[in-house]
PDB file of N, CA and C in Angstrom:
ATOM      1  N   MET A   1       0.842  -1.541  -0.119  1.00  0.00           N
ATOM      2  CA  MET A   1      -0.116  -0.097   0.138  1.00  0.00           C
ATOM      3  C   MET A   1       1.089   1.283  -0.202  1.00  0.00           C
ATOM      4  N   ARG A   2       0.792   2.159  -0.781  1.00  0.00           N
ATOM      5  CA  ARG A   2       0.972   3.419  -0.681  1.00  0.00           C
ATOM      6  C   ARG A   2       0.545   4.249  -0.049  1.00  0.00           C
ATOM      7  N   LEU A   3       1.434   5.262   0.619  1.00  0.00           N
ATOM      8  CA  LEU A   3       0.484   6.420   1.233  1.00  0.00           C
ATOM      9  C   LEU A   3       0.714   7.754   0.597  1.00  0.00           C
ATOM     10  N   ARG A   4       0.147   8.541   0.535  1.00  0.00           N
ATOM     11  CA  ARG A   4      -0.228   9.812  -0.010  1.00  0.00           C
ATOM     12  C   ARG A   4       0.377  10.812   0.526  1.00  0.00           C
ATOM     13  N   ARG A   5       0.923  11.935  -0.255  1.00  0.00           N
ATOM     14  CA  ARG A   5       1.567  12.851   0.771  1.00  0.00           C
ATOM     15  C   ARG A   5       0.433  13.767   1.206  1.00  0.00           C
ATOM     16  N   LEU A   6       0.154  14.632   2.187  1.00  0.00           N
ATOM     17  CA  LEU A   6      -0.394  15.584   2.468  1.00  0.00           C
ATOM     18  C   LEU A   6      -0.601  16.958   2.257  1.00  0.00           C
ATOM     19  N   ASN A   7      -1.995  17.049   1.382  1.00  0.00           N
ATOM     20  CA  ASN A   7      -2.369  18.299   0.699  1.00  0.00           C
ATOM     21  C   ASN A   7      -1.914  19.658   1.571  1.00  0.00           C
ATOM     22  N   ARG A   8      -1.916  20.472   1.094  1.00  0.00           N
ATOM     23  CA  ARG A   8      -1.490  21.872   2.229  1.00  0.00           C
ATOM     24  C   ARG A   8      -2.787  21.947   3.360  1.00  0.00           C
ATOM     25  N   GLY A   9      -4.020  21.791   2.829  1.00  0.00           N
ATOM     26  CA  GLY A   9      -4.889  22.373   3.611  1.00  0.00           C
ATOM     27  C   GLY A   9      -4.810  21.631   4.870  1.00  0.00           C
ATOM     28  N   LEU A  10      -5.024  20.194   4.371  1.00  0.00           N
ATOM     29  CA  LEU A  10      -4.599  19.008   5.453  1.00  0.00           C
ATOM     30  C   LEU A  10      -3.441  19.286   6.625  1.00  0.00           C
ATOM     31  N   LYS A  11      -2.409  19.353   6.071  1.00  0.00           N
ATOM     32  CA  LYS A  11      -1.335  19.589   6.719  1.00  0.00           C
ATOM     33  C   LYS A  11      -1.568  21.083   7.603  1.00  0.00           C
ATOM     34  N   LYS A  12      -1.976  21.772   7.302  1.00  0.00           N
ATOM     35  CA  LYS A  12      -2.478  23.282   7.734  1.00  0.00           C
ATOM     36  C   LYS A  12      -3.225  23.270   9.028  1.00  0.00           C
ATOM     37  N   ARG A  13      -4.765  22.112   8.798  1.00  0.00           N
ATOM     38  CA  ARG A  13      -5.450  22.020  10.225  1.00  0.00           C
ATOM     39  C   ARG A  13      -4.504  21.126  10.932  1.00  0.00           C
ATOM     40  N   LEU A  14      -3.821  20.506  10.399  1.00  0.00           N
ATOM     41  CA  LEU A  14      -3.214  19.298  11.708  1.00  0.00           C
ATOM     42  C   LEU A  14      -2.259  20.227  12.404  1.00  0.00           C
ATOM     43  N   ASP A  15      -1.594  20.967  12.214  1.00  0.00           N
ATOM     44  CA  ASP A  15      -0.850  21.836  12.215  1.00  0.00           C
ATOM     45  C   ASP A  15      -1.808  22.763  13.156  1.00  0.00           C
ATOM     46  N   ALA A  16      -2.468  23.493  12.844  1.00  0.00           N
ATOM     47  CA  ALA A  16      -3.446  23.891  13.789  1.00  0.00           C
ATOM     48  C   ALA A  16      -4.002  23.460  15.217  1.00  0.00           C
ATOM     49  N   ALA A  17      -3.690  22.268  14.986  1.00  0.00           N
ATOM     50  CA  ALA A  17      -4.980  21.141  15.978  1.00  0.00           C
ATOM     51  C   ALA A  17      -3.078  21.343  16.882  1.00  0.00           C
ATOM     52  N   LYS A  18      -2.157  20.946  16.083  1.00  0.00           N
ATOM     53  CA  LYS A  18      -1.304  20.801  17.700  1.00  0.00           C
ATOM     54  C   LYS A  18      -0.923  21.758  18.020  1.00  0.00           C
ATOM     55  N   GLY A  19      -0.649  22.951  17.184  1.00  0.00           N
ATOM     56  CA  GLY A  19      -0.563  24.031  17.984  1.00  0.00           C
ATOM     57  C   GLY A  19      -1.623  24.767  18.965  1.00  0.00           C
ATOM     58  N   ALA A  20      -2.600  24.202  19.256  1.00  0.00           N
ATOM     59  CA  ALA A  20      -3.678  24.452  19.807  1.00  0.00           C
ATOM     60  C   ALA A  20      -3.281  23.636  21.355  1.00  0.00           C
ATOM     61  N   GLY A  21      -2.775  22.487  21.122  1.00  0.00           N
ATOM     62  CA  GLY A  21      -2.544  21.345  22.266  1.00  0.00           C
ATOM     63  C   GLY A  21      -1.630  22.134  23.302  1.00  0.00           C
ATOM     64  N   TRP A  22      -0.265  22.379  21.943  1.00  0.00           N
ATOM     65  CA  TRP A  22       0.983  23.249  22.120  1.00  0.00           C
ATOM     66  C   TRP A  22       0.686  24.107  23.708  1.00  0.00           C
ATOM     67  N   LEU A  23      -0.444  24.917  23.095  1.00  0.00           N
ATOM     68  CA  LEU A  23      -0.456  26.458  23.797  1.00  0.00           C
ATOM     69  C   LEU A  23      -0.928  25.565  25.181  1.00  0.00           C
ATOM     70  N   ASN A  24      -2.068  25.023  25.333  1.00  0.00           N
ATOM     71  CA  ASN A  24      -2.591  24.715  26.499  1.00  0.00           C
ATOM     72  C   ASN A  24      -1.781  23.853  27.698  1.00  0.00           C
ATOM     73  N   LYS A  25      -0.701  23.354  27.012  1.00  0.00           N
ATOM     74  CA  LYS A  25       0.562  22.669  27.647  1.00  0.00           C
ATOM     75  C   LYS A  25       1.367  23.759  28.256  1.00  0.00           C
ATOM     76  N   LYS A  26       2.015  24.637  27.378  1.00  0.00           N
ATOM     77  CA  LYS A  26       2.458  25.538  27.927  1.00  0.00           C
ATOM     78  C   LYS A  26       1.903  26.303  28.539  1.00  0.00           C
ATOM     79  N   LEU A  27       1.304  27.063  28.811  1.00  0.00           N
ATOM     80  CA  LEU A  27       0.225  27.630  29.578  1.00  0.00           C
ATOM     81  C   LEU A  27       0.111  27.201  30.936  1.00  0.00           C
ATOM     82  N   LYS A  28      -0.046  25.375  31.132  1.00  0.00           N
ATOM     83  CA  LYS A  28      -0.279  24.732  32.486  1.00  0.00           C
ATOM     84  C   LYS A  28       1.811  24.903  32.650  1.00  0.00           C
ATOM     85  N   GLU A  29       2.710  24.845  32.265  1.00  0.00           N
ATOM     86  CA  GLU A  29       3.933  24.561  32.176  1.00  0.00           C
ATOM     87  C   GLU A  29       4.586  26.037  33.319  1.00  0.00           C
ATOM     88  N   GLN A  30       3.899  27.159  32.186  1.00  0.00           N
ATOM     89  CA  GLN A  30       4.116  28.561  32.910  1.00  0.00           C
ATOM     90  C   GLN A  30       2.999  28.993  33.881  1.00  0.00           C
ATOM     91  N   ASP A  31       2.562  28.275  34.462  1.00  0.00           N
ATOM     92  CA  ASP A  31       1.687  28.551  35.299  1.00  0.00           C
ATOM     93  C   ASP A  31       0.518  29.757  35.002  1.00  0.00           C
ATOM     94  N   GLY A  32       0.178  30.148  33.321  1.00  0.00           N
ATOM     95  CA  GLY A  32      -0.388  30.279  33.027  1.00  0.00           C
ATOM     96  C   GLY A  32      -0.303  32.232  32.571  1.00  0.00           C
ATOM     97  N   ARG A  33       0.624  32.115  32.842  1.00  0.00           N
ATOM     98  CA  ARG A  33       1.626  33.390  32.819  1.00  0.00           C
ATOM     99  C   ARG A  33       2.366  33.882  31.329  1.00  0.00           C
ATOM    100  N   CYS A  34       2.438  35.191  30.615  1.00  0.00           N
ATOM    101  CA  CYS A  34       3.669  35.528  29.529  1.00  0.00           C
ATOM    102  C   CYS A  34       5.092  35.079  30.260  1.00  0.00           C
ATOM    103  N   VAL A  35       5.657  34.505  28.916  1.00  0.00           N
ATOM    104  CA  VAL A  35       6.759  33.656  29.346  1.00  0.00           C
ATOM    105  C   VAL A  35       7.838  35.410  28.978  1.00  0.00           C
ATOM    106  N   PHE A  36       7.362  36.586  28.299  1.00  0.00           N
ATOM    107  CA  PHE A  36       8.237  37.314  28.462  1.00  0.00           C
ATOM    108  C   PHE A  36       8.402  38.331  29.433  1.00  0.00           C
ATOM    109  N   CYS A  37       6.530  38.989  29.770  1.00  0.00           N
ATOM    110  CA  CYS A  37       6.060  39.945  30.568  1.00  0.00           C
ATOM    111  C   CYS A  37       5.698  39.755  32.071  1.00  0.00           C
ATOM    112  N   ARG A  38       5.621  37.982  32.100  1.00  0.00           N
ATOM    113  CA  ARG A  38       4.789  37.718  33.372  1.00  0.00           C
ATOM    114  C   ARG A  38       3.883  37.906  33.598  1.00  0.00           C
ATOM    115  N   SER A  39       2.884  38.615  32.696  1.00  0.00           N
ATOM    116  CA  SER A  39       1.682  38.851  32.688  1.00  0.00           C
ATOM    117  C   SER A  39       0.945  37.284  32.721  1.00  0.00           C
ATOM    118  N   LYS A  40      -0.771  37.812  33.681  1.00  0.00           N
ATOM    119  CA  LYS A  40      -1.397  36.448  34.360  1.00  0.00           C
ATOM    120  C   LYS A  40      -2.100  36.404  33.061  1.00  0.00           C
ATOM    121  N   MET A  41      -2.731  35.325  32.026  1.00  0.00           N
ATOM    122  CA  MET A  41      -3.414  35.434  30.954  1.00  0.00           C
ATOM    123  C   MET A  41      -4.399  34.170  31.325  1.00  0.00           C
ATOM    124  N   VAL A  42      -3.734  33.452  32.214  1.00  0.00           N
ATOM    125  CA  VAL A  42      -5.055  32.109  32.908  1.00  0.00           C
ATOM    126  C   VAL A  42      -5.423  32.513  34.062  1.00  0.00           C
ATOM    127  N   HIS A  43      -6.659  31.755  34.298  1.00  0.00           N
ATOM    128  CA  HIS A  43      -6.814  31.552  36.203  1.00  0.00           C
ATOM    129  C   HIS A  43      -6.390  30.470  36.511  1.00  0.00           C
ATOM    130  N   ALA A  44      -6.148  30.044  37.511  1.00  0.00           N
ATOM    131  CA  ALA A  44      -5.508  28.708  38.135  1.00  0.00           C
ATOM    132  C   ALA A  44      -6.438  27.715  37.929  1.00  0.00           C
ATOM    133  N   ASP A  45      -7.785  27.670  37.499  1.00  0.00           N
ATOM    134  CA  ASP A  45      -8.556  26.733  36.874  1.00  0.00           C
ATOM    135  C   ASP A  45      -8.192  26.133  35.672  1.00  0.00           C
ATOM    136  N   GLY A  46      -7.542  26.911  34.662  1.00  0.00           N
ATOM    137  CA  GLY A  46      -6.961  26.731  33.244  1.00  0.00           C
ATOM    138  C   GLY A  46      -7.937  27.770  32.466  1.00  0.00           C
ATOM    139  N   ARG A  47      -9.194  28.252  33.146  1.00  0.00           N
ATOM    140  CA  ARG A  47      -9.721  29.020  32.433  1.00  0.00           C
ATOM    141  C   ARG A  47      -9.416  31.050  31.642  1.00  0.00           C
ATOM    142  N   ARG A  48      -9.654  30.654  30.392  1.00  0.00           N
ATOM    143  CA  ARG A  48      -8.641  32.164  30.163  1.00  0.00           C
ATOM    144  C   ARG A  48      -9.394  33.107  30.425  1.00  0.00           C
ATOM    145  N   LEU A  49      -9.099  34.321  31.159  1.00  0.00           N
ATOM    146  CA  LEU A  49      -9.383  35.884  31.361  1.00  0.00           C
ATOM    147  C   LEU A  49      -9.676  36.568  30.463  1.00  0.00           C
ATOM    148  N   THR A  50     -11.269  36.623  31.239  1.00  0.00           N
ATOM    149  CA  THR A  50     -11.671  37.703  29.747  1.00  0.00           C
ATOM    150  C   THR A  50     -11.629  39.126  30.236  1.00  0.00           C
ATOM    151  N   GLY A  51     -11.343  39.804  29.253  1.00  0.00           N
ATOM    152  CA  GLY A  51     -10.668  41.338  29.267  1.00  0.00           C
ATOM    153  C   GLY A  51      -9.063  41.211  29.759  1.00  0.00           C
ATOM    154  N   GLY A  52      -8.604  39.930  30.155  1.00  0.00           N
ATOM    155  CA  GLY A  52      -6.964  40.085  29.796  1.00  0.00           C
ATOM    156  C   GLY A  52      -6.519  39.880  28.591  1.00  0.00           C
ATOM    157  N   LYS A  53      -5.259  39.187  28.888  1.00  0.00           N
ATOM    158  CA  LYS A  53      -4.062  39.381  28.242  1.00  0.00           C
ATOM    159  C   LYS A  53      -4.242  37.860  27.258  1.00  0.00           C
ATOM    160  N   ALA A  54      -4.438  37.610  25.658  1.00  0.00           N
ATOM    161  CA  ALA A  54      -4.483  36.932  25.055  1.00  0.00           C
ATOM    162  C   ALA A  54      -3.572  35.742  24.935  1.00  0.00           C
ATOM    163  N   PRO A  55      -3.712  34.936  25.390  1.00  0.00           N
ATOM    164  CA  PRO A  55      -2.676  33.934  25.132  1.00  0.00           C
ATOM    165  C   PRO A  55      -2.280  33.521  23.768  1.00  0.00           C
ATOM    166  N   THR A  56      -1.220  33.610  22.999  1.00  0.00           N
ATOM    167  CA  THR A  56      -0.830  32.808  21.720  1.00  0.00           C
ATOM    168  C   THR A  56       0.490  31.874  21.602  1.00  0.00           C
ATOM    169  N   LEU A  57       0.716  31.380  20.761  1.00  0.00           N
ATOM    170  CA  LEU A  57       1.964  30.328  21.134  1.00  0.00           C
ATOM    171  C   LEU A  57       2.981  31.065  20.287  1.00  0.00           C
ATOM    172  N   GLU A  58       4.342  31.400  20.399  1.00  0.00           N
ATOM    173  CA  GLU A  58       5.364  32.046  20.275  1.00  0.00           C
ATOM    174  C   GLU A  58       6.381  31.323  20.083  1.00  0.00           C
ATOM    175  N   HIS A  59       7.324  31.230  19.292  1.00  0.00           N
ATOM    176  CA  HIS A  59       8.365  30.552  18.274  1.00  0.00           C
ATOM    177  C   HIS A  59       9.317  31.846  19.083  1.00  0.00           C
ATOM    178  N   MET A  60      10.172  30.760  20.013  1.00  0.00           N
ATOM    179  CA  MET A  60      11.369  31.602  20.456  1.00  0.00           C
ATOM    180  C   MET A  60      12.910  32.200  19.267  1.00  0.00           C
ATOM    181  N   THR A  61      12.547  31.308  18.616  1.00  0.00           N
ATOM    182  CA  THR A  61      13.237  31.112  17.132  1.00  0.00           C
ATOM    183  C   THR A  61      12.731  31.623  16.205  1.00  0.00           C
ATOM    184  N   PRO A  62      12.602  32.442  15.821  1.00  0.00           N
ATOM    185  CA  PRO A  62      11.225  32.788  15.018  1.00  0.00           C
ATOM    186  C   PRO A  62      11.568  31.944  14.055  1.00  0.00           C
ATOM    187  N   LEU A  63      10.664  31.171  12.591  1.00  0.00           N
ATOM    188  CA  LEU A  63      10.488  30.102  11.793  1.00  0.00           C
ATOM    189  C   LEU A  63      11.672  31.412  10.873  1.00  0.00           C
ATOM    190  N   SER A  64      10.692  32.491  10.720  1.00  0.00           N
ATOM    191  CA  SER A  64      12.280  33.424   9.604  1.00  0.00           C
ATOM    192  C   SER A  64      13.211  32.975   9.788  1.00  0.00           C
ATOM    193  N   ARG A  65      14.137  32.702  11.027  1.00  0.00           N
ATOM    194  CA  ARG A  65      15.481  32.812  11.048  1.00  0.00           C
ATOM    195  C   ARG A  65      15.739  31.767  11.684  1.00  0.00           C
ATOM    196  N   GLY A  66      15.013  30.522  10.932  1.00  0.00           N
ATOM    197  CA  GLY A  66      15.343  29.478  10.781  1.00  0.00           C
ATOM    198  C   GLY A  66      15.272  28.315  12.247  1.00  0.00           C
ATOM    199  N   GLY A  67      14.124  28.764  12.911  1.00  0.00           N
ATOM    200  CA  GLY A  67      13.696  27.960  13.784  1.00  0.00           C
ATOM    201  C   GLY A  67      12.534  26.878  13.300  1.00  0.00           C
ATOM    202  N   GLU A  68      12.213  26.006  14.290  1.00  0.00           N
ATOM    203  CA  GLU A  68      11.676  24.917  14.140  1.00  0.00           C
ATOM    204  C   GLU A  68      10.165  25.017  14.641  1.00  0.00           C
ATOM    205  N   HIS A  69       9.383  24.534  13.858  1.00  0.00           N
ATOM    206  CA  HIS A  69       7.926  24.460  14.280  1.00  0.00           C
ATOM    207  C   HIS A  69       8.224  22.847  15.555  1.00  0.00           C
ATOM    208  N   HIS A  70       8.714  23.424  17.032  1.00  0.00           N
ATOM    209  CA  HIS A  70       9.030  22.113  17.314  1.00  0.00           C
ATOM    210  C   HIS A  70       8.483  22.615  18.910  1.00  0.00           C
ATOM    211  N   TRP A  71       8.122  21.568  19.655  1.00  0.00           N
ATOM    212  CA  TRP A  71       7.909  21.991  21.327  1.00  0.00           C
ATOM    213  C   TRP A  71       8.745  22.353  21.726  1.00  0.00           C
ATOM    214  N   GLU A  72      10.076  22.222  21.577  1.00  0.00           N
ATOM    215  CA  GLU A  72      11.386  22.942  22.251  1.00  0.00           C
ATOM    216  C   GLU A  72      11.336  24.273  21.975  1.00  0.00           C
ATOM    217  N   ASN A  73      10.979  24.751  21.100  1.00  0.00           N
ATOM    218  CA  ASN A  73      11.169  26.244  20.305  1.00  0.00           C
ATOM    219  C   ASN A  73       9.816  26.984  20.383  1.00  0.00           C
ATOM    220  N   VAL A  74       8.730  26.861  20.957  1.00  0.00           N
ATOM    221  CA  VAL A  74       7.520  27.262  21.399  1.00  0.00           C
ATOM    222  C   VAL A  74       7.194  28.107  22.564  1.00  0.00           C
ATOM    223  N   ALA A  75       6.589  28.946  23.135  1.00  0.00           N
ATOM    224  CA  ALA A  75       6.267  29.133  24.555  1.00  0.00           C
ATOM    225  C   ALA A  75       5.054  29.885  24.424  1.00  0.00           C
ATOM    226  N   ALA A  76       3.892  30.158  25.343  1.00  0.00           N
ATOM    227  CA  ALA A  76       3.286  30.855  25.248  1.00  0.00           C
ATOM    228  C   ALA A  76       3.453  32.382  25.749  1.00  0.00           C
ATOM    229  N   SER A  77       3.127  33.060  25.167  1.00  0.00           N
ATOM    230  CA  SER A  77       3.152  34.612  25.748  1.00  0.00           C
ATOM    231  C   SER A  77       1.987  35.463  24.984  1.00  0.00           C
ATOM    232  N   CYS A  78       1.663  36.395  25.465  1.00  0.00           N
ATOM    233  CA  CYS A  78       0.642  37.343  25.139  1.00  0.00           C
ATOM    234  C   CYS A  78       0.683  37.636  24.263  1.00  0.00           C
ATOM    235  N   ALA A  79      -0.646  38.601  23.466  1.00  0.00           N
ATOM    236  CA  ALA A  79      -0.788  38.707  22.499  1.00  0.00           C
ATOM    237  C   ALA A  79       0.120  40.066  22.006  1.00  0.00           C
ATOM    238  N   ARG A  80       0.222  40.630  23.283  1.00  0.00           N
ATOM    239  CA  ARG A  80       1.127  42.303  23.423  1.00  0.00           C
ATOM    240  C   ARG A  80       2.538  41.917  22.589  1.00  0.00           C
ATOM    241  N   CYS A  81       2.897  40.905  23.550  1.00  0.00           N
ATOM    242  CA  CYS A  81       4.128  40.452  23.573  1.00  0.00           C
ATOM    243  C   CYS A  81       4.858  39.930  22.466  1.00  0.00           C
ATOM    244  N   ASN A  82       3.863  39.576  21.681  1.00  0.00           N
ATOM    245  CA  ASN A  82       4.071  38.416  20.916  1.00  0.00           C
ATOM    246  C   ASN A  82       4.116  39.335  19.207  1.00  0.00           C
ATOM    247  N   GLY A  83       3.106  40.260  19.357  1.00  0.00           N
ATOM    248  CA  GLY A  83       3.357  41.592  18.090  1.00  0.00           C
ATOM    249  C   GLY A  83       4.509  42.425  18.345  1.00  0.00           C
ATOM    250  N   LEU A  84       5.261  42.704  19.391  1.00  0.00           N
ATOM    251  CA  LEU A  84       6.212  43.326  19.994  1.00  0.00           C
ATOM    252  C   LEU A  84       7.497  42.876  19.069  1.00  0.00           C
ATOM    253  N   LYS A  85       7.149  41.323  19.586  1.00  0.00           N
ATOM    254  CA  LYS A  85       8.846  40.671  19.271  1.00  0.00           C
ATOM    255  C   LYS A  85       9.011  40.398  18.166  1.00  0.00           C
ATOM    256  N   ALA A  86       7.459  40.214  16.975  1.00  0.00           N
ATOM    257  CA  ALA A  86       7.889  40.198  15.891  1.00  0.00           C
ATOM    258  C   ALA A  86       9.154  39.312  15.566  1.00  0.00           C
ATOM    259  N   ALA A  87      10.223  39.205  14.693  1.00  0.00           N
ATOM    260  CA  ALA A  87      10.890  38.468  14.182  1.00  0.00           C
ATOM    261  C   ALA A  87      12.412  38.405  15.366  1.00  0.00           C
ATOM    262  N   LEU A  88      12.253  38.778  16.236  1.00  0.00           N
ATOM    263  CA  LEU A  88      13.542  38.737  16.872  1.00  0.00           C
ATOM    264  C   LEU A  88      13.567  37.407  17.484  1.00  0.00           C
ATOM    265  N   THR A  89      14.682  37.124  18.310  1.00  0.00           N
ATOM    266  CA  THR A  89      14.833  36.026  18.856  1.00  0.00           C
ATOM    267  C   THR A  89      14.275  36.552  20.469  1.00  0.00           C
ATOM    268  N   ALA A  90      14.082  35.094  20.959  1.00  0.00           N
ATOM    269  CA  ALA A  90      13.498  35.428  22.489  1.00  0.00           C
ATOM    270  C   ALA A  90      15.287  36.678  23.288  1.00  0.00           C
ATOM    271  N   ASP A  91      16.226  36.262  23.264  1.00  0.00           N
ATOM    272  CA  ASP A  91      16.983  36.851  23.594  1.00  0.00           C
ATOM    273  C   ASP A  91      16.989  38.411  23.415  1.00  0.00           C
ATOM    274  N   GLU A  92      16.890  38.544  22.284  1.00  0.00           N
ATOM    275  CA  GLU A  92      16.818  39.916  21.585  1.00  0.00           C
ATOM    276  C   GLU A  92      15.746  40.691  22.415  1.00  0.00           C
ATOM    277  N   PHE A  93      14.327  40.009  22.135  1.00  0.00           N
ATOM    278  CA  PHE A  93      13.597  40.725  22.506  1.00  0.00           C
ATOM    279  C   PHE A  93      13.562  41.035  24.298  1.00  0.00           C
ATOM    280  N   ARG A  94      14.172  40.130  24.927  1.00  0.00           N
ATOM    281  CA  ARG A  94      14.159  40.452  26.155  1.00  0.00           C
ATOM    282  C   ARG A  94      15.312  41.753  26.497  1.00  0.00           C
ATOM    283  N   ALA A  95      16.329  41.692  25.741  1.00  0.00           N
ATOM    284  CA  ALA A  95      17.194  43.064  25.985  1.00  0.00           C
ATOM    285  C   ALA A  95      16.355  44.170  25.472  1.00  0.00           C
ATOM    286  N   THR A  96      15.649  44.412  24.673  1.00  0.00           N
ATOM    287  CA  THR A  96      14.445  45.475  24.178  1.00  0.00           C
ATOM    288  C   THR A  96      13.718  46.019  25.640  1.00  0.00           C
ATOM    289  N   LEU A  97      13.218  45.009  26.063  1.00  0.00           N
ATOM    290  CA  LEU A  97      12.473  44.907  27.407  1.00  0.00           C
ATOM    291  C   LEU A  97      13.446  45.615  28.461  1.00  0.00           C
ATOM    292  N   ALA A  98      14.742  45.092  28.500  1.00  0.00           N
ATOM    293  CA  ALA A  98      15.006  45.926  29.676  1.00  0.00           C
ATOM    294  C   ALA A  98      15.796  46.989  29.912  1.00  0.00           C
ATOM    295  N   GLU A  99      15.865  47.222  27.836  1.00  0.00           N
ATOM    296  CA  GLU A  99      16.348  48.999  28.198  1.00  0.00           C
ATOM    297  C   GLU A  99      15.094  50.045  28.084  1.00  0.00           C
TER     298      GLU A  99
END
């Protein structure tokens, strides 16, 4: 039996599902806090804060800079930090926060 290659649409949906699971696991691992600014994004019971900072999955080394979509290269960050970080590495972004 020959296996088919995944089409782009199916691969995108599988990656999105994997990302959602990773976000929830990273939020739990990080006590519901942003990896950069440490602001609270979820309640202790795992519910997302309403009116608070929205959690996103952030690549510590951006894909555009050679990073991989891998468990060890992602962390949960608030949407604000995710947008400000852009294509910087985590260390570069932390240096800009310290200024």
